[in-house]
Protein backbone atom coordinates (compact mmCIF):
# COMPACT_ATOMS: atom_id res chain seq x y z
CA MET A 1 -0.89 3.46 27.08
CA ARG A 2 -4.02 1.42 27.87
CA PHE A 3 -5.65 2.85 24.74
CA ILE A 4 -2.64 1.84 22.59
CA ALA A 5 -2.54 -1.65 24.12
CA ARG A 6 -6.24 -2.24 23.45
CA LEU A 7 -5.88 -1.15 19.81
CA CYS A 8 -2.87 -3.46 19.33
CA THR A 9 -4.80 -6.39 20.81
CA LEU A 10 -7.81 -5.65 18.60
CA ALA A 11 -5.62 -5.41 15.47
CA LEU A 12 -3.96 -8.74 16.31
CA LEU A 13 -7.33 -10.47 16.82
CA VAL A 14 -8.74 -9.13 13.55
CA SER A 15 -5.63 -10.18 11.60
CA THR A 16 -5.74 -13.66 13.13
CA LEU A 17 -9.41 -14.13 12.23
CA LEU A 18 -8.91 -12.92 8.66
CA LEU A 19 -5.89 -15.15 8.11
CA SER A 20 -7.64 -18.21 9.48
CA GLY A 21 -10.58 -17.67 7.12
CA ARG A 22 -8.84 -16.78 3.86
CA PRO A 23 -11.20 -16.95 0.87
CA ALA A 24 -10.22 -19.01 -2.16
CA SER A 25 -9.28 -16.23 -4.55
CA ALA A 26 -6.29 -14.56 -6.14
CA THR A 27 -4.91 -11.63 -8.09
CA GLU A 28 -3.32 -11.62 -11.51
CA GLY A 29 0.44 -11.57 -11.03
CA GLY A 30 0.19 -12.31 -7.30
CA GLY A 31 -0.15 -8.74 -6.06
CA GLY A 32 -2.23 -5.58 -6.17
CA ALA A 33 -1.95 -2.15 -7.77
CA TYR A 34 -1.18 -0.40 -4.46
CA PRO A 35 2.39 -0.59 -3.08
CA ASN A 36 1.64 -1.96 0.39
CA GLY A 37 3.38 -0.14 3.23
CA ALA A 38 3.66 3.25 1.53
CA GLU A 39 2.00 5.11 4.43
CA ASP A 40 2.73 5.09 8.15
CA PHE A 41 2.76 7.92 10.73
CA MET A 42 0.13 10.66 10.32
CA SER A 43 -1.46 8.80 7.41
CA GLY A 44 -4.86 10.25 8.27
CA ALA A 45 -3.58 13.83 8.55
CA VAL A 46 -3.94 15.67 5.25
CA PRO A 47 -1.85 18.88 5.64
CA PRO A 48 -3.35 22.42 5.84
CA PRO A 49 -4.34 24.29 2.66
CA GLY A 50 -1.36 24.62 0.33
CA THR A 51 0.75 22.63 -2.13
CA TYR A 52 3.06 19.78 -1.13
CA ILE A 53 5.33 17.20 -2.72
CA ILE A 54 6.13 13.79 -1.30
CA ASN A 55 8.81 11.52 -2.73
CA TYR A 56 8.58 7.82 -1.94
CA PHE A 57 11.50 5.46 -2.52
CA ASP A 58 10.80 1.74 -2.17
CA TYR A 59 13.04 -1.30 -2.54
CA TYR A 60 11.29 -4.67 -2.33
CA SER A 61 13.17 -7.96 -2.48
CA ALA A 62 11.67 -11.47 -2.33
CA ASP A 63 13.17 -14.94 -2.81
CA LYS A 64 10.01 -16.96 -2.14
CA LEU A 65 6.83 -17.35 -4.18
CA ALA A 66 4.35 -18.82 -1.72
CA THR A 67 1.72 -21.40 -2.67
CA ASN A 68 -1.81 -21.77 -1.30
CA ASP A 69 -0.42 -23.57 1.77
CA GLY A 70 2.44 -21.08 2.27
CA LYS A 71 5.20 -23.30 0.86
CA SER A 72 7.68 -22.31 -1.82
CA ALA A 73 6.25 -22.76 -5.33
CA LEU A 74 9.60 -22.68 -7.18
CA PRO A 75 13.12 -23.95 -6.41
CA VAL A 76 14.52 -20.64 -7.68
CA PHE A 77 12.65 -17.37 -7.43
CA LYS A 78 13.97 -13.83 -7.14
CA LEU A 79 11.99 -10.62 -7.37
CA ASN A 80 13.48 -7.15 -6.93
CA VAL A 81 11.40 -4.02 -7.38
CA THR A 82 12.86 -0.52 -7.11
CA ALA A 83 10.43 2.38 -7.32
CA ASP A 84 10.64 6.15 -7.00
CA VAL A 85 7.26 7.83 -6.79
CA LEU A 86 6.56 11.57 -6.88
CA ARG A 87 3.29 12.66 -5.29
CA VAL A 88 1.89 16.17 -5.68
CA ILE A 89 -0.86 17.24 -3.24
CA HIS A 90 -2.93 20.41 -3.37
CA VAL A 91 -5.24 21.23 -0.47
CA THR A 92 -7.80 23.97 -1.12
CA ASN A 93 -9.47 26.40 1.28
CA LYS A 94 -12.90 25.09 0.28
CA GLN A 95 -14.82 22.90 2.69
CA ILE A 96 -17.42 20.26 1.83
CA LEU A 97 -19.38 18.54 4.62
CA GLY A 98 -16.98 20.24 7.02
CA GLY A 99 -13.89 18.70 5.43
CA PHE A 100 -11.21 20.42 3.38
CA TRP A 101 -11.22 19.52 -0.31
CA ALA A 102 -7.87 18.27 -1.67
CA MET A 103 -6.50 16.42 -4.70
CA HIS A 104 -3.32 14.52 -5.55
CA LEU A 105 -1.33 12.87 -8.35
CA PHE A 106 1.25 10.04 -8.21
CA LEU A 107 3.95 9.57 -10.89
CA PRO A 108 5.82 6.25 -10.36
CA VAL A 109 9.06 5.20 -12.07
CA MET A 110 9.92 1.55 -11.54
CA ASN A 111 12.46 -1.18 -12.20
CA VAL A 112 11.24 -4.77 -11.95
CA ASP A 113 13.65 -7.73 -12.07
CA VAL A 114 12.34 -11.32 -11.98
CA THR A 115 14.24 -14.63 -12.08
CA VAL A 116 12.64 -18.09 -12.21
CA PRO A 117 14.09 -21.46 -13.29
CA GLY A 118 15.35 -21.08 -16.85
CA ALA A 119 14.15 -17.51 -17.36
CA GLY A 120 14.61 -13.93 -16.25
CA LYS A 121 13.36 -10.47 -17.15
CA ASN A 122 14.21 -6.88 -16.25
CA LYS A 123 12.06 -3.88 -17.14
CA THR A 124 12.24 -0.16 -16.29
CA GLY A 125 9.72 2.59 -17.01
CA LEU A 126 6.80 4.71 -15.95
CA GLY A 127 4.30 2.74 -13.88
CA ASP A 128 0.55 3.19 -13.52
CA ILE A 129 -0.29 6.83 -12.70
CA ILE A 130 -2.64 7.43 -9.75
CA VAL A 131 -5.04 10.37 -9.43
CA ASP A 132 -7.68 11.47 -6.93
CA PRO A 133 -9.49 14.74 -7.65
CA PHE A 134 -11.76 14.57 -4.60
CA ILE A 135 -10.20 14.07 -1.17
CA LEU A 136 -11.92 15.30 1.99
CA ALA A 137 -10.04 15.86 5.25
CA TRP A 138 -11.30 16.61 8.77
CA HIS A 139 -9.28 17.63 11.81
CA GLY A 140 -9.89 17.58 15.56
CA LYS A 141 -7.78 18.41 18.59
CA GLN A 142 -6.26 14.91 18.79
CA TRP A 143 -7.52 13.24 15.62
CA HIS A 144 -7.44 13.49 11.83
CA LEU A 145 -9.62 11.75 9.24
CA ALA A 146 -9.44 11.62 5.44
CA THR A 147 -11.32 9.87 2.66
CA GLY A 148 -11.06 9.72 -1.12
CA LEU A 149 -11.15 7.57 -4.24
CA ASP A 150 -7.76 6.81 -5.79
CA ILE A 151 -7.85 5.87 -9.49
CA TYR A 152 -5.03 3.76 -10.99
CA MET A 153 -4.70 4.32 -14.73
CA PRO A 154 -3.06 1.65 -16.96
CA THR A 155 -0.22 3.87 -18.18
CA GLY A 156 2.67 1.52 -17.42
CA SER A 157 4.30 -0.74 -20.00
CA TYR A 158 2.72 -4.20 -20.16
CA ASP A 159 3.26 -7.34 -22.22
CA LYS A 160 1.42 -10.52 -21.26
CA LYS A 161 4.39 -12.60 -22.48
CA ASP A 162 6.86 -10.90 -20.12
CA LEU A 163 7.80 -12.10 -16.65
CA ALA A 164 8.34 -8.49 -15.54
CA ASN A 165 5.95 -5.60 -16.12
CA VAL A 166 5.79 -2.07 -14.70
CA GLY A 167 2.07 -1.75 -15.50
CA ARG A 168 -0.95 -3.96 -14.76
CA ASN A 169 -2.99 -3.21 -17.92
CA TYR A 170 -6.25 -2.57 -16.09
CA TRP A 171 -7.94 0.18 -14.11
CA THR A 172 -8.27 0.05 -10.32
CA PHE A 173 -10.74 2.14 -8.31
CA GLU A 174 -9.75 2.33 -4.65
CA PRO A 175 -11.92 3.93 -1.94
CA VAL A 176 -9.72 5.09 0.93
CA VAL A 177 -10.39 5.93 4.59
CA ALA A 178 -7.42 7.00 6.72
CA GLY A 179 -7.29 8.06 10.35
CA THR A 180 -4.79 9.26 12.96
CA TYR A 181 -5.24 9.58 16.72
CA ILE A 182 -2.61 11.17 18.98
CA THR A 183 -2.83 11.10 22.77
CA GLU A 184 -1.91 14.02 25.01
CA HIS A 185 1.38 12.25 25.78
CA GLY A 186 2.39 11.92 22.11
CA TYR A 187 1.41 8.32 21.44
CA GLU A 188 0.06 7.84 17.91
CA VAL A 189 -2.13 5.29 16.13
CA SER A 190 -2.53 5.68 12.36
CA ALA A 191 -4.14 3.49 9.70
CA LYS A 192 -5.07 3.77 6.04
CA PHE A 193 -7.83 1.38 4.92
CA MET A 194 -8.29 0.60 1.21
CA TYR A 195 -10.60 -1.59 -0.89
CA ASP A 196 -9.82 -2.20 -4.57
CA PHE A 197 -12.24 -2.72 -7.46
CA ASN A 198 -10.42 -3.87 -10.61
CA THR A 199 -11.42 -3.91 -14.27
CA LYS A 200 -10.60 -6.74 -16.67
CA ASN A 201 -7.18 -7.09 -18.30
CA SER A 202 -8.18 -7.02 -21.98
CA ASP A 203 -4.94 -8.73 -23.11
CA THR A 204 -5.42 -11.80 -20.90
CA ASP A 205 -9.21 -11.82 -20.37
CA TYR A 206 -8.49 -11.96 -16.63
CA LEU A 207 -10.46 -10.14 -13.96
CA THR A 208 -8.76 -9.66 -10.61
CA GLY A 209 -11.10 -9.85 -7.61
CA HIS A 210 -11.65 -7.27 -4.90
CA GLU A 211 -8.77 -6.57 -2.51
CA PHE A 212 -8.69 -5.27 1.06
CA HIS A 213 -5.52 -3.86 2.57
CA VAL A 214 -4.45 -1.56 5.38
CA ASP A 215 -1.22 0.29 6.20
CA TYR A 216 -0.75 0.94 9.92
CA ALA A 217 1.66 2.56 12.36
CA LEU A 218 2.05 2.85 16.13
CA GLY A 219 4.50 5.37 17.54
CA LYS A 220 5.63 7.85 20.17
CA LYS A 221 6.62 11.42 19.31
CA ILE A 222 9.63 12.80 21.22
CA ASP A 223 10.54 16.34 20.20
CA LYS A 224 10.98 16.25 16.39
CA PHE A 225 11.25 12.46 16.19
CA THR A 226 8.55 9.79 16.05
CA PHE A 227 9.67 6.26 16.97
CA GLY A 228 7.63 3.11 16.53
CA GLY A 229 6.55 0.35 14.23
CA ALA A 230 4.65 0.09 10.96
CA GLY A 231 3.35 -2.53 8.58
CA TYR A 232 0.49 -3.69 6.42
CA TYR A 233 -2.10 -6.38 6.03
CA TYR A 234 -3.33 -7.50 2.59
CA GLN A 235 -6.13 -9.91 1.70
CA GLN A 236 -8.08 -10.61 -1.45
CA VAL A 237 -11.78 -10.96 -0.62
CA THR A 238 -13.47 -12.10 -3.84
CA ASP A 239 -12.52 -14.62 -6.51
CA ASP A 240 -10.80 -13.87 -9.78
CA GLU A 241 -12.23 -14.80 -13.16
CA SER A 242 -10.15 -16.17 -16.03
CA LYS A 243 -11.93 -16.17 -19.42
CA GLY A 244 -15.24 -16.03 -17.54
CA ALA A 245 -14.47 -18.97 -15.22
CA ARG A 246 -14.00 -18.63 -11.48
CA VAL A 247 -10.44 -19.18 -10.17
CA LYS A 248 -10.40 -21.35 -7.04
CA ASN A 249 -7.88 -22.12 -4.29
CA ASN A 250 -5.40 -19.47 -5.34
CA ASN A 251 -5.86 -16.68 -2.80
CA GLY A 252 -3.26 -14.03 -2.02
CA SER A 253 -2.62 -12.63 1.46
CA VAL A 254 0.29 -11.34 3.52
CA VAL A 255 1.16 -9.53 6.76
CA ALA A 256 4.17 -7.24 7.28
CA LEU A 257 5.65 -5.32 10.20
CA GLY A 258 8.89 -3.63 11.17
CA PRO A 259 10.57 -0.60 12.77
CA ALA A 260 9.76 2.94 11.62
CA LEU A 261 11.22 6.39 12.25
CA LYS A 262 10.05 9.91 11.31
CA TYR A 263 11.84 13.26 11.65
CA ASP A 264 10.17 16.66 11.25
CA TYR A 265 12.24 19.71 10.32
CA LYS A 266 10.65 23.10 9.58
CA ASN A 267 8.56 22.63 6.39
CA MET A 268 9.94 19.15 5.70
CA SER A 269 9.73 15.63 7.08
CA PHE A 270 11.71 12.44 6.56
CA SER A 271 10.65 8.89 7.34
CA LEU A 272 12.35 5.51 7.15
CA LYS A 273 11.03 1.99 7.72
CA TYR A 274 11.99 -1.63 7.05
CA LEU A 275 9.13 -4.11 6.84
CA PHE A 276 9.33 -7.90 7.02
CA GLU A 277 6.61 -9.95 5.33
CA THR A 278 5.26 -13.13 6.87
CA ALA A 279 2.30 -15.51 6.43
CA ALA A 280 2.28 -15.04 2.64
CA TYR A 281 -0.04 -17.15 0.48
CA ASN A 282 -0.10 -17.26 -3.32
CA ARG A 283 2.20 -14.28 -3.69
CA PRO A 284 5.85 -13.33 -3.14
CA GLN A 285 7.19 -13.02 0.40
CA GLY A 286 10.08 -10.67 1.07
CA ASP A 287 11.29 -7.47 2.74
CA ASN A 288 10.43 -3.84 2.06
CA LEU A 289 12.61 -0.74 2.56
CA TRP A 290 10.77 2.61 2.42
CA VAL A 291 12.24 6.13 2.48
CA LYS A 292 9.85 9.11 2.30
CA PHE A 293 10.46 12.84 2.04
CA MET A 294 7.80 15.57 2.25
CA TYR A 295 8.22 19.26 1.42
CA ALA A 296 5.67 22.03 1.94
CA PHE A 297 5.82 25.07 -0.37
């Protein structure tokens, strides 16, 4: 318990320091390619060699578009995003640098609905496909560690004139480091750290800056259940460029947390969480419902 308490205190201090020193930067559209909050318990534990499917269902709803000082930018703003994402993971028997080599593919289907004063737009379709052909995973008695490079391909529908889009129209390269530590008494700390490098949107001549974000979870396993909390922290760390000019005083950042539950049954697992966003700047602020199902063949 002392170990868990120290980690919680450290996480709170780091988040406070980062929020107090937000850089003046932003992202095109007010968000990143990664759906924040997707991972929680055991996020650093890549499963044993074999093939697995994970289905993620996410419903995000926001009624506030925050400005640079955290206030509401519009008198009327509604954003609803519904996504169902199929992830296929294959873990090989081959080891590189002592870690098992794995690969995965994400296929997202999304519905985006946006309402602002005098306008609204709804769009449904295939989003940006994510691939990673080179994941490495290490395992210890009480810990797990994984790293990789997720690649977001601009496969989703995009129109620069539309309020709602299911694609971002640029590539994102995302190095990932994820870890899980479980004590002898079943207490768990998990985190997935990501850093995004984005290419330019050729339709708008806009280059989104670098983004840092982390999904985290703290929990206690009791029999087949894991109870606890989860959330995410997101912060853009370099400035955007619009038509070659630096974009100032338009940074995006947010923190989220909420209750989380996981249930393991034979070769399957189910997880549920509801995350509340707070301290949003230059991006929407809302709530996030996640349901995840994993099946091992």
